Amino acid sequence: MVRRRVQPAPCIESLPDNGDQAAGPVEHSND
């Protein structure tokens, strides 16, 4: 389960570049 948490973190960094940073944090909150 820890691995899943680590993946979203790096993804969020790439999301802001695309302006999709909102999608990253939203998924983390749902977790």
PDB file of N, CA and C in Angstrom:
ATOM      1  N   MET A   1       0.849  -1.213   0.000  1.00  0.00           N
ATOM      2  CA  MET A   1       0.000   0.000   0.000  1.00  0.00           C
ATOM      3  C   MET A   1       0.882   1.260   0.000  1.00  0.00           C
ATOM      4  N   VAL A   2       2.021   1.138   0.617  1.00  0.00           N
ATOM      5  CA  VAL A   2       2.934   2.300   0.690  1.00  0.00           C
ATOM      6  C   VAL A   2       3.367   2.701  -0.722  1.00  0.00           C
ATOM      7  N   ARG A   3       3.542   1.686  -1.572  1.00  0.00           N
ATOM      8  CA  ARG A   3       4.005   1.976  -2.938  1.00  0.00           C
ATOM      9  C   ARG A   3       2.987   2.882  -3.646  1.00  0.00           C
ATOM     10  N   ARG A   4       1.749   2.670  -3.397  1.00  0.00           N
ATOM     11  CA  ARG A   4       0.703   3.474  -4.084  1.00  0.00           C
ATOM     12  C   ARG A   4       0.852   4.950  -3.668  1.00  0.00           C
ATOM     13  N   ARG A   5       1.206   5.164  -2.448  1.00  0.00           N
ATOM     14  CA  ARG A   5       1.301   6.554  -1.945  1.00  0.00           C
ATOM     15  C   ARG A   5       2.515   7.238  -2.602  1.00  0.00           C
ATOM     16  N   VAL A   6       3.551   6.482  -2.794  1.00  0.00           N
ATOM     17  CA  VAL A   6       4.773   7.065  -3.382  1.00  0.00           C
ATOM     18  C   VAL A   6       4.541   7.437  -4.850  1.00  0.00           C
ATOM     19  N   GLN A   7       3.745   6.656  -5.543  1.00  0.00           N
ATOM     20  CA  GLN A   7       3.512   6.927  -6.978  1.00  0.00           C
ATOM     21  C   GLN A   7       2.779   8.264  -7.186  1.00  0.00           C
ATOM     22  N   PRO A   8       1.703   8.503  -6.464  1.00  0.00           N
ATOM     23  CA  PRO A   8       0.940   9.752  -6.604  1.00  0.00           C
ATOM     24  C   PRO A   8       1.807  10.987  -6.362  1.00  0.00           C
ATOM     25  N   ALA A   9       2.752  10.878  -5.458  1.00  0.00           N
ATOM     26  CA  ALA A   9       3.613  12.031  -5.142  1.00  0.00           C
ATOM     27  C   ALA A   9       4.358  12.508  -6.393  1.00  0.00           C
ATOM     28  N   PRO A  10       5.110  11.634  -7.046  1.00  0.00           N
ATOM     29  CA  PRO A  10       5.873  12.006  -8.249  1.00  0.00           C
ATOM     30  C   PRO A  10       4.930  12.446  -9.367  1.00  0.00           C
ATOM     31  N   CYS A  11       3.769  11.860  -9.417  1.00  0.00           N
ATOM     32  CA  CYS A  11       2.798  12.208 -10.472  1.00  0.00           C
ATOM     33  C   CYS A  11       2.346  13.664 -10.295  1.00  0.00           C
ATOM     34  N   ILE A  12       2.117  14.055  -9.071  1.00  0.00           N
ATOM     35  CA  ILE A  12       1.654  15.423  -8.778  1.00  0.00           C
ATOM     36  C   ILE A  12       2.678  16.446  -9.292  1.00  0.00           C
ATOM     37  N   GLU A  13       3.946  16.107  -9.164  1.00  0.00           N
ATOM     38  CA  GLU A  13       4.984  17.056  -9.607  1.00  0.00           C
ATOM     39  C   GLU A  13       4.882  17.282 -11.111  1.00  0.00           C
ATOM     40  N   SER A  14       4.526  16.241 -11.843  1.00  0.00           N
ATOM     41  CA  SER A  14       4.427  16.334 -13.303  1.00  0.00           C
ATOM     42  C   SER A  14       3.082  16.966 -13.695  1.00  0.00           C
ATOM     43  N   LEU A  15       2.105  16.817 -12.827  1.00  0.00           N
ATOM     44  CA  LEU A  15       0.766  17.350 -13.129  1.00  0.00           C
ATOM     45  C   LEU A  15       0.784  18.881 -13.217  1.00  0.00           C
ATOM     46  N   PRO A  16       1.362  19.559 -12.238  1.00  0.00           N
ATOM     47  CA  PRO A  16       1.408  21.026 -12.235  1.00  0.00           C
ATOM     48  C   PRO A  16       1.939  21.560 -13.557  1.00  0.00           C
ATOM     49  N   ASP A  17       2.881  20.862 -14.139  1.00  0.00           N
ATOM     50  CA  ASP A  17       3.451  21.291 -15.421  1.00  0.00           C
ATOM     51  C   ASP A  17       2.360  21.346 -16.486  1.00  0.00           C
ATOM     52  N   ASN A  18       1.411  20.418 -16.386  1.00  0.00           N
ATOM     53  CA  ASN A  18       0.327  20.344 -17.375  1.00  0.00           C
ATOM     54  C   ASN A  18      -0.886  21.147 -16.902  1.00  0.00           C
ATOM     55  N   GLY A  19      -0.828  21.653 -15.696  1.00  0.00           N
ATOM     56  CA  GLY A  19      -1.969  22.403 -15.175  1.00  0.00           C
ATOM     57  C   GLY A  19      -3.014  21.440 -14.620  1.00  0.00           C
ATOM     58  N   ASP A  20      -2.646  20.174 -14.474  1.00  0.00           N
ATOM     59  CA  ASP A  20      -3.592  19.174 -13.939  1.00  0.00           C
ATOM     60  C   ASP A  20      -3.297  18.913 -12.471  1.00  0.00           C
ATOM     61  N   GLN A  21      -2.570  19.808 -11.844  1.00  0.00           N
ATOM     62  CA  GLN A  21      -2.171  19.584 -10.440  1.00  0.00           C
ATOM     63  C   GLN A  21      -3.421  19.349  -9.578  1.00  0.00           C
ATOM     64  N   ALA A  22      -4.550  19.897  -9.973  1.00  0.00           N
ATOM     65  CA  ALA A  22      -5.787  19.728  -9.184  1.00  0.00           C
ATOM     66  C   ALA A  22      -6.167  18.241  -9.171  1.00  0.00           C
ATOM     67  N   ALA A  23      -5.922  17.544 -10.256  1.00  0.00           N
ATOM     68  CA  ALA A  23      -6.289  16.113 -10.347  1.00  0.00           C
ATOM     69  C   ALA A  23      -5.450  15.320  -9.349  1.00  0.00           C
ATOM     70  N   GLY A  24      -4.215  15.716  -9.147  1.00  0.00           N
ATOM     71  CA  GLY A  24      -3.332  14.981  -8.219  1.00  0.00           C
ATOM     72  C   GLY A  24      -3.845  15.072  -6.784  1.00  0.00           C
ATOM     73  N   PRO A  25      -3.902  16.259  -6.225  1.00  0.00           N
ATOM     74  CA  PRO A  25      -4.344  16.467  -4.835  1.00  0.00           C
ATOM     75  C   PRO A  25      -5.746  15.893  -4.618  1.00  0.00           C
ATOM     76  N   VAL A  26      -6.596  15.995  -5.585  1.00  0.00           N
ATOM     77  CA  VAL A  26      -7.982  15.492  -5.439  1.00  0.00           C
ATOM     78  C   VAL A  26      -7.960  13.996  -5.167  1.00  0.00           C
ATOM     79  N   GLU A  27      -7.146  13.265  -5.927  1.00  0.00           N
ATOM     80  CA  GLU A  27      -7.080  11.805  -5.742  1.00  0.00           C
ATOM     81  C   GLU A  27      -6.509  11.487  -4.365  1.00  0.00           C
ATOM     82  N   HIS A  28      -5.572  12.266  -3.915  1.00  0.00           N
ATOM     83  CA  HIS A  28      -4.939  12.019  -2.606  1.00  0.00           C
ATOM     84  C   HIS A  28      -5.972  12.218  -1.487  1.00  0.00           C
ATOM     85  N   SER A  29      -6.834  13.185  -1.678  1.00  0.00           N
ATOM     86  CA  SER A  29      -7.849  13.475  -0.647  1.00  0.00           C
ATOM     87  C   SER A  29      -8.864  12.328  -0.602  1.00  0.00           C
ATOM     88  N   ASN A  30      -9.162  11.764  -1.748  1.00  0.00           N
ATOM     89  CA  ASN A  30     -10.126  10.654  -1.822  1.00  0.00           C
ATOM     90  C   ASN A  30      -9.559   9.425  -1.139  1.00  0.00           C
ATOM     91  N   ASP A  31      -8.244   9.290  -1.201  1.00  0.00           N
ATOM     92  CA  ASP A  31      -7.599   8.126  -0.579  1.00  0.00           C
ATOM     93  C   ASP A  31      -7.992   8.103   0.891  1.00  0.00           C
TER      94      ASP A  31
END
